[in-house]
Amino acid sequence: MDANLERFVREDLAGGDPTGDMLPDVRISAEVVARRRGVVSGARHAAAIFGMRRCDTDIVVPDGSVVEAGGIVMGVRGRAADVLALERTALNLLSRMSGIATMSRELASRLPPGVRLLSTRKTAPGLREFDKEAVEAGGGFRHRMGLGDMIMIKDNHIAAAGSLDGLVREAVRRGGRFEVEVDAPADALRAARLGAPVIMLDNFTPEMIHEAVSALDAEGLRGAVELEASGGITLENIAEYGRSGVDCVSVGYVTNSAPCLDMGLDVR
């Protein structure tokens, strides 16, 4: 991740900092302050960014912990020009990651024990490692980091191949864990019969999930598969989905739409 942090800093400082060049050569002390309550994530990365110009930091609220509105997340000390040159890059990453962690905590807290919140590949390009780390800080879990992690047969794969059955049989032949996306209870049963170990119930209503679970139970297949609910899941309905009989719930907007947790740097 260090290479990414260096890239983020270069992006902002490619043309230098003419405003910072006007400052006297003095050291300052500052504090990163949360403007609202939330779960902190990315504090260690923000500290690493400030460290690129030999600024000293003290993390007050570590990743995964709650900060109250007005609370100090970290202290920063260094040359004025250096602290202020790195301020925006550090705050941008910290605010984004903390916003994701806060949303992840809120979503995960509404699920019953044993049902996991999963993140998806709906992340900003270049930020996946950071986005997924933030989900974990909030109590969620990583799903696939990339396409190579696991075979996942989705609707477009089925449309391109012309057959769900053929793709599932080939995945079984290759061995290992894989997942199949279905959009109807009958297809969930069909995928389970073919040997799919993980089935994504895409855009199912809770009632459709109950129907799929009942069908799997009737054939003794429920214990052989992991069920993932995905699509159309929000803060308002995630609890209902969590009680529907699935093992996990995946939510794309936890990484692609969570509002940033507003942070500011106050020079003391």
Protein backbone atom coordinates (compact mmCIF):
# COMPACT_ATOMS: atom_id res chain seq x y z
CA MET A 1 0.00 0.00 0.00
CA ASP A 2 2.98 2.35 0.47
CA ALA A 3 3.31 2.72 -3.28
CA ASN A 4 -0.34 3.76 -3.50
CA LEU A 5 0.10 6.32 -0.74
CA GLU A 6 3.10 7.78 -2.56
CA ARG A 7 1.03 7.94 -5.74
CA PHE A 8 -1.77 9.78 -3.93
CA VAL A 9 0.69 12.38 -2.63
CA ARG A 10 2.34 12.85 -6.04
CA GLU A 11 -1.07 13.44 -7.58
CA ASP A 12 -1.66 16.45 -5.34
CA LEU A 13 1.90 17.79 -5.31
CA ALA A 14 2.85 17.28 -8.95
CA GLY A 15 3.03 21.05 -9.44
CA GLY A 16 4.52 21.78 -6.04
CA ASP A 17 2.88 23.92 -3.35
CA PRO A 18 3.50 27.62 -4.03
CA THR A 19 1.31 28.65 -1.10
CA GLY A 20 3.29 26.50 1.30
CA ASP A 21 6.52 27.94 -0.11
CA MET A 22 5.51 31.34 1.30
CA LEU A 23 5.30 30.05 4.88
CA PRO A 24 8.07 30.68 7.40
CA ASP A 25 10.26 27.70 8.29
CA VAL A 26 8.49 26.93 11.55
CA ARG A 27 7.08 23.80 13.17
CA ILE A 28 3.39 23.57 14.00
CA SER A 29 1.12 21.27 15.96
CA ALA A 30 -2.26 20.26 14.59
CA GLU A 31 -5.08 17.86 15.30
CA VAL A 32 -7.23 15.80 12.96
CA VAL A 33 -10.77 16.27 14.28
CA ALA A 34 -13.95 14.39 13.38
CA ARG A 35 -16.83 16.70 12.54
CA ARG A 36 -19.38 13.98 13.26
CA ARG A 37 -19.56 10.63 15.05
CA GLY A 38 -18.35 7.56 13.22
CA VAL A 39 -16.00 4.60 12.99
CA VAL A 40 -12.39 5.42 12.22
CA SER A 41 -10.52 3.64 9.44
CA GLY A 42 -7.37 4.68 7.65
CA ALA A 43 -5.67 6.41 10.58
CA ARG A 44 -2.50 4.38 10.07
CA HIS A 45 -2.44 5.34 6.40
CA ALA A 46 -2.95 9.02 7.21
CA ALA A 47 -0.06 8.77 9.67
CA ALA A 48 2.09 7.16 6.97
CA ILE A 49 1.27 10.00 4.57
CA PHE A 50 2.33 12.62 7.10
CA GLY A 51 5.44 10.57 7.78
CA MET A 52 6.55 10.97 4.16
CA ARG A 53 7.80 14.44 5.12
CA ARG A 54 9.01 13.47 8.58
CA CYS A 55 5.94 14.74 10.38
CA ASP A 56 5.28 13.10 13.73
CA THR A 57 1.82 11.69 14.50
CA ASP A 58 0.02 10.32 17.52
CA ILE A 59 -3.06 8.24 16.76
CA VAL A 60 -5.67 8.89 19.45
CA VAL A 61 -8.54 6.83 17.99
CA PRO A 62 -7.30 3.66 16.27
CA ASP A 63 -8.92 2.00 13.29
CA GLY A 64 -12.14 0.20 14.13
CA SER A 65 -12.91 2.46 17.10
CA VAL A 66 -15.67 5.04 17.38
CA VAL A 67 -14.87 8.74 17.46
CA GLU A 68 -17.44 11.22 18.71
CA ALA A 69 -18.24 14.47 16.92
CA GLY A 70 -15.48 16.91 17.81
CA GLY A 71 -13.16 14.11 18.90
CA ILE A 72 -9.46 14.15 18.08
CA VAL A 73 -8.41 11.28 15.81
CA MET A 74 -4.70 12.07 15.72
CA GLY A 75 -2.16 14.73 16.49
CA VAL A 76 0.33 15.93 13.87
CA ARG A 77 3.58 17.86 14.33
CA GLY A 78 6.05 19.03 11.71
CA ARG A 79 7.19 21.86 9.49
CA ALA A 80 4.20 24.01 8.62
CA ALA A 81 4.72 23.65 4.87
CA ASP A 82 5.01 19.86 5.14
CA VAL A 83 1.95 19.34 7.36
CA LEU A 84 -0.23 21.54 5.18
CA ALA A 85 1.07 20.05 1.92
CA LEU A 86 -0.02 16.58 3.04
CA GLU A 87 -3.20 17.63 4.83
CA ARG A 88 -5.71 17.12 2.02
CA THR A 89 -4.37 13.77 0.81
CA ALA A 90 -4.35 12.36 4.33
CA LEU A 91 -7.82 13.71 5.12
CA ASN A 92 -9.32 12.52 1.84
CA LEU A 93 -8.26 8.93 2.43
CA LEU A 94 -9.09 8.97 6.14
CA SER A 95 -12.52 10.51 5.55
CA ARG A 96 -13.40 8.06 2.77
CA MET A 97 -12.28 4.99 4.69
CA SER A 98 -13.98 6.15 7.89
CA GLY A 99 -17.21 6.79 5.99
CA ILE A 100 -17.13 3.25 4.63
CA ALA A 101 -16.31 1.82 8.06
CA THR A 102 -19.17 3.78 9.61
CA MET A 103 -21.65 2.50 7.02
CA SER A 104 -20.29 -1.03 7.41
CA ARG A 105 -20.78 -0.89 11.19
CA GLU A 106 -24.33 0.38 10.79
CA LEU A 107 -25.25 -2.34 8.29
CA ALA A 108 -23.52 -5.17 10.18
CA SER A 109 -25.16 -4.15 13.45
CA ARG A 110 -28.59 -4.78 11.93
CA LEU A 111 -27.81 -8.38 10.98
CA PRO A 112 -28.52 -11.26 13.36
CA PRO A 113 -25.59 -13.18 14.86
CA GLY A 114 -23.97 -15.52 12.37
CA VAL A 115 -25.03 -13.62 9.25
CA ARG A 116 -22.07 -11.84 7.64
CA LEU A 117 -21.92 -8.55 5.78
CA LEU A 118 -19.85 -8.88 2.60
CA SER A 119 -18.30 -6.16 0.48
CA THR A 120 -18.22 -6.50 -3.31
CA ARG A 121 -15.94 -5.45 -6.18
CA LYS A 122 -17.93 -2.21 -6.50
CA THR A 123 -14.98 -0.12 -5.37
CA ALA A 124 -13.23 2.93 -6.78
CA PRO A 125 -10.44 1.94 -9.18
CA GLY A 126 -7.12 1.97 -7.35
CA LEU A 127 -8.75 2.04 -3.92
CA ARG A 128 -9.97 -1.54 -3.50
CA GLU A 129 -7.46 -2.51 -0.80
CA PHE A 130 -8.37 0.58 1.19
CA ASP A 131 -12.12 0.20 0.66
CA LYS A 132 -12.10 -3.45 1.70
CA GLU A 133 -9.96 -2.70 4.74
CA ALA A 134 -12.49 -0.06 5.78
CA VAL A 135 -15.36 -2.55 5.50
CA GLU A 136 -13.50 -4.88 7.84
CA ALA A 137 -12.87 -2.05 10.31
CA GLY A 138 -16.63 -1.61 10.50
CA GLY A 139 -17.35 -5.30 11.09
CA GLY A 140 -17.90 -6.56 7.54
CA PHE A 141 -15.95 -9.09 5.54
CA ARG A 142 -14.09 -9.07 2.25
CA HIS A 143 -15.56 -10.94 -0.67
CA ARG A 144 -13.45 -11.32 -3.81
CA MET A 145 -10.54 -8.92 -4.10
CA GLY A 146 -10.31 -9.69 -7.81
CA LEU A 147 -11.70 -11.95 -10.48
CA GLY A 148 -8.97 -14.52 -9.86
CA ASP A 149 -9.99 -15.23 -6.28
CA MET A 150 -12.88 -17.52 -7.14
CA ILE A 151 -15.09 -18.59 -10.01
CA MET A 152 -18.34 -16.65 -9.85
CA ILE A 153 -20.87 -17.52 -12.52
CA LYS A 154 -23.14 -14.53 -13.11
CA ASP A 155 -26.04 -13.81 -15.43
CA ASN A 156 -23.91 -12.47 -18.26
CA HIS A 157 -21.66 -15.52 -18.14
CA ILE A 158 -24.74 -17.72 -18.45
CA ALA A 159 -26.07 -15.59 -21.31
CA ALA A 160 -22.73 -15.78 -23.12
CA ALA A 161 -22.32 -19.54 -22.58
CA GLY A 162 -25.97 -20.35 -23.21
CA SER A 163 -26.22 -22.76 -20.28
CA LEU A 164 -26.16 -22.56 -16.49
CA ASP A 165 -25.75 -26.32 -16.25
CA GLY A 166 -22.66 -26.47 -18.43
CA LEU A 167 -20.84 -23.73 -16.53
CA VAL A 168 -21.63 -25.24 -13.13
CA ARG A 169 -20.50 -28.69 -14.24
CA GLU A 170 -17.24 -27.22 -15.54
CA ALA A 171 -16.68 -25.35 -12.28
CA VAL A 172 -17.29 -28.57 -10.33
CA ARG A 173 -14.82 -30.39 -12.59
CA ARG A 174 -12.15 -27.76 -11.93
CA GLY A 175 -12.61 -28.13 -8.18
CA GLY A 176 -12.49 -25.58 -5.40
CA ARG A 177 -15.01 -23.17 -4.05
CA PHE A 178 -17.16 -21.26 -6.53
CA GLU A 179 -20.38 -19.25 -6.59
CA VAL A 180 -23.39 -19.13 -8.88
CA GLU A 181 -25.74 -16.17 -9.25
CA VAL A 182 -29.42 -17.00 -9.74
CA ASP A 183 -32.52 -14.84 -10.06
CA ALA A 184 -35.29 -17.33 -9.23
CA PRO A 185 -35.88 -19.90 -6.45
CA ALA A 186 -36.08 -22.71 -9.01
CA ASP A 187 -32.61 -21.83 -10.30
CA ALA A 188 -31.23 -21.87 -6.75
CA LEU A 189 -32.45 -25.43 -6.37
CA ARG A 190 -31.09 -26.31 -9.79
CA ALA A 191 -27.64 -24.92 -8.97
CA ALA A 192 -27.57 -26.79 -5.66
CA ARG A 193 -28.49 -30.06 -7.38
CA LEU A 194 -25.57 -29.52 -9.78
CA GLY A 195 -23.15 -29.11 -6.88
CA ALA A 196 -22.72 -25.35 -6.47
CA PRO A 197 -21.28 -24.69 -2.98
CA VAL A 198 -22.27 -21.00 -2.86
CA ILE A 199 -25.41 -19.51 -4.39
CA MET A 200 -26.07 -15.79 -4.73
CA LEU A 201 -29.76 -14.94 -4.61
CA ASP A 202 -29.71 -11.86 -6.79
CA ASN A 203 -32.47 -9.30 -6.31
CA PHE A 204 -34.61 -11.79 -4.38
CA THR A 205 -37.28 -10.47 -2.09
CA PRO A 206 -37.27 -11.96 1.43
CA GLU A 207 -40.31 -13.99 0.39
CA MET A 208 -38.40 -15.43 -2.58
CA ILE A 209 -35.54 -16.33 -0.26
CA HIS A 210 -37.92 -18.19 2.07
CA GLU A 211 -39.20 -20.10 -0.95
CA ALA A 212 -35.68 -21.04 -2.03
CA VAL A 213 -34.67 -22.10 1.48
CA SER A 214 -37.79 -24.26 1.81
CA ALA A 215 -37.10 -25.94 -1.54
CA LEU A 216 -33.51 -26.67 -0.55
CA ASP A 217 -34.62 -28.00 2.83
CA ALA A 218 -37.15 -30.28 1.19
CA GLU A 219 -34.38 -31.98 -0.81
CA GLY A 220 -31.85 -32.01 2.01
CA LEU A 221 -29.59 -29.56 0.22
CA ARG A 222 -29.73 -26.50 2.48
CA GLY A 223 -26.80 -27.65 4.59
CA ALA A 224 -24.67 -28.25 1.49
CA VAL A 225 -24.78 -24.66 0.23
CA GLU A 226 -24.01 -21.18 1.44
CA LEU A 227 -26.66 -18.63 0.52
CA GLU A 228 -25.83 -15.02 -0.19
CA ALA A 229 -28.48 -12.32 -0.58
CA SER A 230 -27.56 -9.48 -2.90
CA GLY A 231 -29.25 -6.61 -4.70
CA GLY A 232 -31.71 -4.01 -3.45
CA ILE A 233 -30.51 -4.28 0.15
CA THR A 234 -30.52 -1.07 2.17
CA LEU A 235 -30.20 0.11 5.76
CA GLU A 236 -33.97 0.00 5.96
CA ASN A 237 -34.42 -3.63 4.90
CA ILE A 238 -31.13 -5.36 5.72
CA ALA A 239 -32.47 -6.69 9.02
CA GLU A 240 -35.32 -8.42 7.21
CA TYR A 241 -32.89 -9.96 4.74
CA GLY A 242 -30.71 -11.08 7.62
CA ARG A 243 -33.64 -13.00 9.10
CA SER A 244 -34.62 -14.59 5.78
CA GLY A 245 -32.44 -17.67 6.11
CA VAL A 246 -29.28 -16.62 4.27
CA ASP A 247 -25.72 -16.97 5.52
CA CYS A 248 -24.44 -13.63 4.28
CA VAL A 249 -25.58 -10.39 2.69
CA SER A 250 -23.53 -8.44 0.15
CA VAL A 251 -24.03 -4.71 -0.27
CA GLY A 252 -22.30 -2.78 -3.04
CA TYR A 253 -23.09 0.70 -1.81
CA VAL A 254 -21.08 0.22 1.38
CA THR A 255 -18.01 0.87 -0.79
CA ASN A 256 -19.36 2.84 -3.74
CA SER A 257 -21.86 5.18 -2.09
CA ALA A 258 -21.09 5.56 1.61
CA PRO A 259 -20.78 9.24 2.58
CA CYS A 260 -17.37 10.32 3.80
CA LEU A 261 -16.93 10.95 7.50
CA ASP A 262 -16.09 14.64 7.61
CA MET A 263 -12.64 15.27 9.10
CA GLY A 264 -10.67 18.48 9.48
CA LEU A 265 -7.14 19.49 10.40
CA ASP A 266 -7.02 22.23 13.01
CA VAL A 267 -3.69 23.99 13.66
CA ARG A 268 -3.31 24.80 17.34
